């Protein structure tokens, strides 16, 4: 079953993805009631770098990570490649198959 674009959007290009990331960061900044200049200063990045990031016009990982940290959202990075909670390599190799229980005769 294919997921709808609302629950799992597909991006035609990397530019589309950059644009969505920029819009999300801008929305987060506005929810925190921060001006671009204040966030740029807090993150230790240039104002123009932040403007380009929010506009989806490219950035570097340093700028992105600095802005995420300044917004208190570093955990976003962990969602890129989450750590598996169950590692199949650590499961026992010789697990015995479950046996059916027979009813006793009365």
N, C-alpha and C. Protein backbone atom coordinates (compact mmCIF):
# COMPACT_ATOMS: atom_id res chain seq x y z
N UNK A 1 0.84 -1.18 0.00
CA UNK A 1 0.00 0.00 0.00
C UNK A 1 0.89 1.24 0.00
N UNK A 2 0.65 2.14 -0.91
CA UNK A 2 1.47 3.33 -1.05
C UNK A 2 0.99 4.40 -0.09
N UNK A 3 1.93 5.10 0.56
CA UNK A 3 1.57 6.14 1.51
C UNK A 3 1.21 7.42 0.76
N UNK A 4 0.33 8.21 1.34
CA UNK A 4 -0.04 9.47 0.71
C UNK A 4 1.09 10.47 0.86
N UNK A 5 1.08 11.49 0.02
CA UNK A 5 2.13 12.50 0.07
C UNK A 5 2.05 13.33 1.34
N UNK A 6 0.90 13.30 2.04
CA UNK A 6 0.77 14.05 3.28
C UNK A 6 1.53 13.38 4.41
N UNK A 7 1.57 12.06 4.44
CA UNK A 7 2.25 11.36 5.52
C UNK A 7 3.71 11.08 5.19
N UNK A 8 4.03 10.96 3.93
CA UNK A 8 5.40 10.67 3.50
C UNK A 8 5.66 11.41 2.19
N UNK A 9 5.99 12.72 2.28
CA UNK A 9 6.14 13.48 1.05
C UNK A 9 7.33 13.01 0.22
N UNK A 10 7.17 13.08 -1.06
CA UNK A 10 8.26 12.76 -1.98
C UNK A 10 8.74 14.08 -2.59
N UNK A 11 10.03 14.24 -2.64
CA UNK A 11 10.61 15.46 -3.16
C UNK A 11 11.22 15.17 -4.52
N UNK A 12 10.87 15.99 -5.51
CA UNK A 12 11.35 15.77 -6.86
C UNK A 12 12.85 16.04 -6.97
N UNK A 13 13.32 17.02 -6.22
CA UNK A 13 14.73 17.39 -6.31
C UNK A 13 15.30 17.67 -4.92
N UNK A 14 16.60 17.76 -4.86
CA UNK A 14 17.27 18.14 -3.62
C UNK A 14 16.87 19.56 -3.25
N UNK A 15 16.66 20.42 -4.24
CA UNK A 15 16.22 21.79 -3.98
C UNK A 15 14.87 21.81 -3.26
N UNK A 16 13.97 20.90 -3.65
CA UNK A 16 12.67 20.80 -2.97
C UNK A 16 12.88 20.44 -1.50
N UNK A 17 13.77 19.50 -1.27
CA UNK A 17 14.06 19.06 0.10
C UNK A 17 14.70 20.19 0.90
N UNK A 18 15.63 20.92 0.29
CA UNK A 18 16.26 22.06 0.97
C UNK A 18 15.21 23.12 1.31
N UNK A 19 14.29 23.34 0.39
CA UNK A 19 13.23 24.31 0.63
C UNK A 19 12.36 23.92 1.81
N UNK A 20 12.00 22.65 1.88
CA UNK A 20 11.17 22.18 3.00
C UNK A 20 11.93 22.30 4.31
N UNK A 21 13.21 21.94 4.32
CA UNK A 21 14.01 22.08 5.53
C UNK A 21 14.07 23.54 5.97
N UNK A 22 14.31 24.44 5.02
CA UNK A 22 14.37 25.87 5.32
C UNK A 22 13.06 26.39 5.90
N UNK A 23 11.94 25.97 5.30
CA UNK A 23 10.64 26.40 5.81
C UNK A 23 10.40 25.88 7.22
N UNK A 24 10.81 24.64 7.48
CA UNK A 24 10.65 24.07 8.82
C UNK A 24 11.48 24.83 9.85
N UNK A 25 12.71 25.17 9.49
CA UNK A 25 13.57 25.91 10.42
C UNK A 25 13.03 27.32 10.65
N UNK A 26 12.55 27.95 9.60
CA UNK A 26 11.96 29.28 9.73
C UNK A 26 10.75 29.24 10.66
N UNK A 27 9.88 28.24 10.47
CA UNK A 27 8.70 28.11 11.32
C UNK A 27 9.09 27.91 12.78
N UNK A 28 10.09 27.09 13.00
CA UNK A 28 10.57 26.85 14.36
C UNK A 28 11.11 28.14 14.98
N UNK A 29 11.86 28.90 14.19
CA UNK A 29 12.39 30.18 14.68
C UNK A 29 11.26 31.13 15.05
N UNK A 30 10.24 31.20 14.18
CA UNK A 30 9.12 32.10 14.45
C UNK A 30 8.33 31.66 15.67
N UNK A 31 8.17 30.33 15.86
CA UNK A 31 7.49 29.83 17.06
C UNK A 31 8.23 30.22 18.33
N UNK A 32 9.56 30.36 18.21
CA UNK A 32 10.38 30.76 19.36
C UNK A 32 10.45 32.29 19.48
N UNK A 33 9.75 32.98 18.55
CA UNK A 33 9.69 34.44 18.54
C UNK A 33 11.09 35.06 18.45
N UNK A 34 11.91 34.50 17.56
CA UNK A 34 13.28 34.99 17.37
C UNK A 34 13.41 35.69 16.02
N UNK A 35 14.10 36.80 16.00
CA UNK A 35 14.46 37.48 14.75
C UNK A 35 15.62 36.71 14.13
N UNK A 36 15.76 36.82 12.82
CA UNK A 36 16.86 36.13 12.14
C UNK A 36 18.20 36.55 12.72
N UNK A 37 18.38 37.85 12.94
CA UNK A 37 19.67 38.34 13.45
C UNK A 37 19.98 37.76 14.83
N UNK A 38 18.95 37.64 15.67
CA UNK A 38 19.17 37.10 17.02
C UNK A 38 19.55 35.62 16.95
N UNK A 39 18.87 34.86 16.09
CA UNK A 39 19.20 33.44 15.97
C UNK A 39 20.58 33.26 15.37
N UNK A 40 20.92 34.06 14.36
CA UNK A 40 22.25 33.96 13.74
C UNK A 40 23.33 34.22 14.78
N UNK A 41 23.12 35.24 15.61
CA UNK A 41 24.11 35.55 16.65
C UNK A 41 24.20 34.41 17.66
N UNK A 42 23.05 33.91 18.11
CA UNK A 42 23.02 32.81 19.09
C UNK A 42 23.71 31.58 18.53
N UNK A 43 23.53 31.31 17.23
CA UNK A 43 24.12 30.13 16.60
C UNK A 43 25.58 30.35 16.21
N UNK A 44 26.01 31.59 16.20
CA UNK A 44 27.40 31.88 15.82
C UNK A 44 27.63 31.76 14.32
N UNK A 45 26.58 32.07 13.54
CA UNK A 45 26.70 32.03 12.08
C UNK A 45 26.33 33.40 11.54
N UNK A 46 26.71 33.64 10.31
CA UNK A 46 26.38 34.91 9.69
C UNK A 46 24.89 35.01 9.37
N UNK A 47 24.38 36.24 9.39
CA UNK A 47 22.97 36.46 9.08
C UNK A 47 22.65 35.96 7.67
N UNK A 48 23.51 36.25 6.73
CA UNK A 48 23.27 35.81 5.34
C UNK A 48 23.24 34.28 5.25
N UNK A 49 24.08 33.61 6.01
CA UNK A 49 24.08 32.13 6.02
C UNK A 49 22.74 31.60 6.50
N UNK A 50 22.20 32.19 7.56
CA UNK A 50 20.90 31.78 8.08
C UNK A 50 19.80 32.08 7.07
N UNK A 51 19.87 33.24 6.43
CA UNK A 51 18.86 33.59 5.44
C UNK A 51 18.86 32.60 4.28
N UNK A 52 20.05 32.22 3.82
CA UNK A 52 20.14 31.25 2.74
C UNK A 52 19.61 29.88 3.17
N UNK A 53 19.92 29.48 4.41
CA UNK A 53 19.43 28.21 4.93
C UNK A 53 17.91 28.19 4.97
N UNK A 54 17.31 29.25 5.49
CA UNK A 54 15.85 29.32 5.58
C UNK A 54 15.20 29.42 4.20
N UNK A 55 15.91 29.97 3.24
CA UNK A 55 15.36 30.11 1.89
C UNK A 55 15.57 28.85 1.06
N UNK A 56 16.25 27.86 1.63
CA UNK A 56 16.50 26.63 0.89
C UNK A 56 17.50 26.81 -0.23
N UNK A 57 18.41 27.74 -0.04
CA UNK A 57 19.39 28.05 -1.08
C UNK A 57 20.76 27.44 -0.79
N UNK A 58 20.76 26.38 -0.05
CA UNK A 58 22.02 25.70 0.23
C UNK A 58 22.65 26.20 1.51
N UNK A 59 23.45 25.37 2.08
CA UNK A 59 24.13 25.69 3.32
C UNK A 59 25.22 24.65 3.52
N UNK A 60 25.89 24.73 4.63
CA UNK A 60 26.84 23.66 4.96
C UNK A 60 26.40 23.03 6.28
N UNK A 61 26.98 21.90 6.59
CA UNK A 61 26.55 21.18 7.79
C UNK A 61 26.85 21.97 9.06
N UNK A 62 27.92 22.74 9.06
CA UNK A 62 28.25 23.54 10.23
C UNK A 62 27.13 24.53 10.54
N UNK A 63 26.66 25.24 9.52
CA UNK A 63 25.58 26.20 9.71
C UNK A 63 24.31 25.51 10.17
N UNK A 64 23.95 24.42 9.50
CA UNK A 64 22.74 23.69 9.85
C UNK A 64 22.79 23.21 11.30
N UNK A 65 23.89 22.58 11.68
CA UNK A 65 24.02 22.05 13.04
C UNK A 65 24.06 23.16 14.09
N UNK A 66 24.69 24.26 13.77
CA UNK A 66 24.74 25.39 14.70
C UNK A 66 23.36 25.97 14.94
N UNK A 67 22.57 26.08 13.87
CA UNK A 67 21.21 26.61 13.99
C UNK A 67 20.33 25.63 14.76
N UNK A 68 20.45 24.33 14.46
CA UNK A 68 19.67 23.34 15.19
C UNK A 68 19.98 23.39 16.68
N UNK A 69 21.25 23.51 17.02
CA UNK A 69 21.65 23.58 18.43
C UNK A 69 21.09 24.84 19.08
N UNK A 70 21.16 25.97 18.40
CA UNK A 70 20.66 27.23 18.95
C UNK A 70 19.15 27.18 19.16
N UNK A 71 18.45 26.38 18.35
CA UNK A 71 17.01 26.22 18.50
C UNK A 71 16.64 25.09 19.46
N UNK A 72 17.67 24.40 19.98
CA UNK A 72 17.41 23.30 20.91
C UNK A 72 16.85 22.07 20.22
N UNK A 73 17.21 21.86 18.96
CA UNK A 73 16.65 20.73 18.21
C UNK A 73 17.74 19.82 17.64
N UNK A 74 18.84 19.64 18.37
CA UNK A 74 19.90 18.75 17.89
C UNK A 74 19.42 17.34 17.66
N UNK A 75 18.36 16.94 18.36
CA UNK A 75 17.87 15.56 18.22
C UNK A 75 17.39 15.28 16.80
N UNK A 76 17.12 16.29 16.01
CA UNK A 76 16.73 16.07 14.62
C UNK A 76 17.78 15.24 13.90
N UNK A 77 19.04 15.47 14.23
CA UNK A 77 20.14 14.76 13.56
C UNK A 77 20.05 13.26 13.84
N UNK A 78 19.63 12.90 15.03
CA UNK A 78 19.53 11.48 15.38
C UNK A 78 18.46 10.76 14.57
N UNK A 79 17.50 11.48 14.03
CA UNK A 79 16.44 10.85 13.25
C UNK A 79 16.90 10.48 11.85
N UNK A 80 18.06 10.96 11.45
CA UNK A 80 18.57 10.64 10.11
C UNK A 80 18.89 9.15 10.01
N UNK A 81 19.55 8.63 10.99
CA UNK A 81 19.89 7.21 11.00
C UNK A 81 19.73 6.69 12.42
N UNK A 82 18.49 6.40 12.82
CA UNK A 82 18.27 5.96 14.20
C UNK A 82 18.98 4.64 14.50
N UNK A 83 19.39 4.50 15.73
CA UNK A 83 20.05 3.29 16.18
C UNK A 83 18.99 2.20 16.37
N UNK A 84 19.27 1.04 15.83
CA UNK A 84 18.32 -0.07 15.96
C UNK A 84 18.25 -0.50 17.42
N UNK A 85 17.05 -0.75 17.89
CA UNK A 85 16.90 -1.19 19.28
C UNK A 85 17.06 -2.70 19.41
N UNK A 86 16.85 -3.42 18.31
CA UNK A 86 17.04 -4.87 18.29
C UNK A 86 18.07 -5.19 17.21
N UNK A 87 19.14 -5.82 17.61
CA UNK A 87 20.18 -6.20 16.67
C UNK A 87 20.05 -7.69 16.40
N UNK A 88 19.68 -8.07 15.17
CA UNK A 88 19.50 -9.49 14.89
C UNK A 88 20.76 -10.32 15.09
N UNK A 89 21.92 -9.68 15.05
CA UNK A 89 23.17 -10.42 15.24
C UNK A 89 23.36 -10.87 16.68
N UNK A 90 22.67 -10.22 17.61
CA UNK A 90 22.82 -10.60 19.02
C UNK A 90 21.77 -11.60 19.47
N UNK A 91 20.83 -11.94 18.62
CA UNK A 91 19.81 -12.94 18.97
C UNK A 91 20.44 -14.33 19.01
N UNK A 92 19.96 -15.20 19.88
CA UNK A 92 20.53 -16.55 19.96
C UNK A 92 20.33 -17.31 18.64
N UNK A 93 21.36 -17.98 18.21
CA UNK A 93 21.31 -18.71 16.93
C UNK A 93 20.52 -20.01 17.05
N UNK A 94 20.62 -20.69 18.18
CA UNK A 94 20.03 -22.01 18.32
C UNK A 94 18.72 -21.96 19.10
N UNK A 95 17.90 -20.99 18.81
CA UNK A 95 16.62 -20.91 19.50
C UNK A 95 15.76 -22.11 19.11
N UNK A 96 15.21 -22.76 20.10
CA UNK A 96 14.37 -23.94 19.87
C UNK A 96 12.98 -23.49 19.43
N UNK A 97 12.42 -24.14 18.43
CA UNK A 97 11.06 -23.79 18.02
C UNK A 97 10.08 -24.13 19.13
N UNK A 98 9.03 -23.35 19.23
CA UNK A 98 8.03 -23.60 20.26
C UNK A 98 7.26 -24.87 19.93
N UNK A 99 6.95 -25.65 20.96
CA UNK A 99 6.21 -26.89 20.79
C UNK A 99 4.75 -26.66 21.17
N UNK A 100 3.86 -27.32 20.44
CA UNK A 100 2.45 -27.24 20.79
C UNK A 100 2.18 -28.07 22.03
N UNK A 101 1.32 -27.63 22.84
CA UNK A 101 0.92 -28.37 24.04
C UNK A 101 -0.25 -29.25 23.68
N UNK A 102 -0.11 -30.54 24.00
CA UNK A 102 -1.20 -31.47 23.70
C UNK A 102 -2.15 -31.56 24.88
N UNK A 103 -3.39 -31.69 24.56
CA UNK A 103 -4.39 -31.87 25.61
C UNK A 103 -4.30 -33.30 26.13
N UNK A 104 -4.38 -33.43 27.42
CA UNK A 104 -4.39 -34.77 27.99
C UNK A 104 -5.77 -35.40 27.88
N UNK A 105 -5.82 -36.70 27.82
CA UNK A 105 -7.12 -37.37 27.75
C UNK A 105 -7.74 -37.45 29.14
N UNK A 106 -9.03 -37.29 29.21
CA UNK A 106 -9.69 -37.38 30.51
C UNK A 106 -10.27 -38.73 30.80
